[in-house]
Amino acid sequence: MAIGMSYGTAKPGAVSECTQTPNATFFFISIAATLAYSSPLMKKIKVAQFGLGPIGVESLRLAASKPWADIVGAVDIDPAKVGRQLSEVTGLRSLRGRIVHGSLGELLGTETPEVIFHTAVSRFKAAFEQLEPMARKGINVVSSCEELVFPQLREPALARRLDRFVERKARASSAPVLIPGL
């Protein structure tokens, strides 16, 4: 389980990805040490996107371009996006048939992603409510939430709670970094 606490780091052999958007450069450090682009026998990883603002749409486009990713859906609270196909939101035909859900519960009612790219909020206190159900389900998370770099600074009690979920469900390790304006 990877939530991106400040001490969650990629395992040896992990692969990193980088993309440039108009608003930020963000680095996704591998979601699992077993990712290897060159393996034709590699099982695809079920990926979902949580948050479809500008950063979320760009991270989804990046993930959709990777041979290891099987995009299974997305979550957003914008009523104008809920129920639409991801192909409409991203402009990628390859995402036809994948739907934007209004809640994590709705998404999990149809698919169980192995990884969720979380790009919904910047503050850990707000992110905790979104990340806790993912952690309880044992879903790996890569988040652009800046305060996840060191959540103990502002929210030590919530950081300890999330850490307990992560330790219990530990599977893979990753660390998100969002560097605005780089």
Foldseek 3Di string as FASTA:
>chain_A
DADAAQPFAADPQWDKDWDDDPWFIKIWTHLANPDDQPDPPAAAFEEEEEDQDPVRLVVVVVQVVGPRHDYQEYEDQPPVQFQDFNCVSNVDPVRPPHGYHHAPVVSVVPDDGQEYEYEHEQAPVVVLVRCVVCLQVLHHYAYARACSSHVCVPCVVSVVVSVVSCVVSPDGTIHIYIDTPD
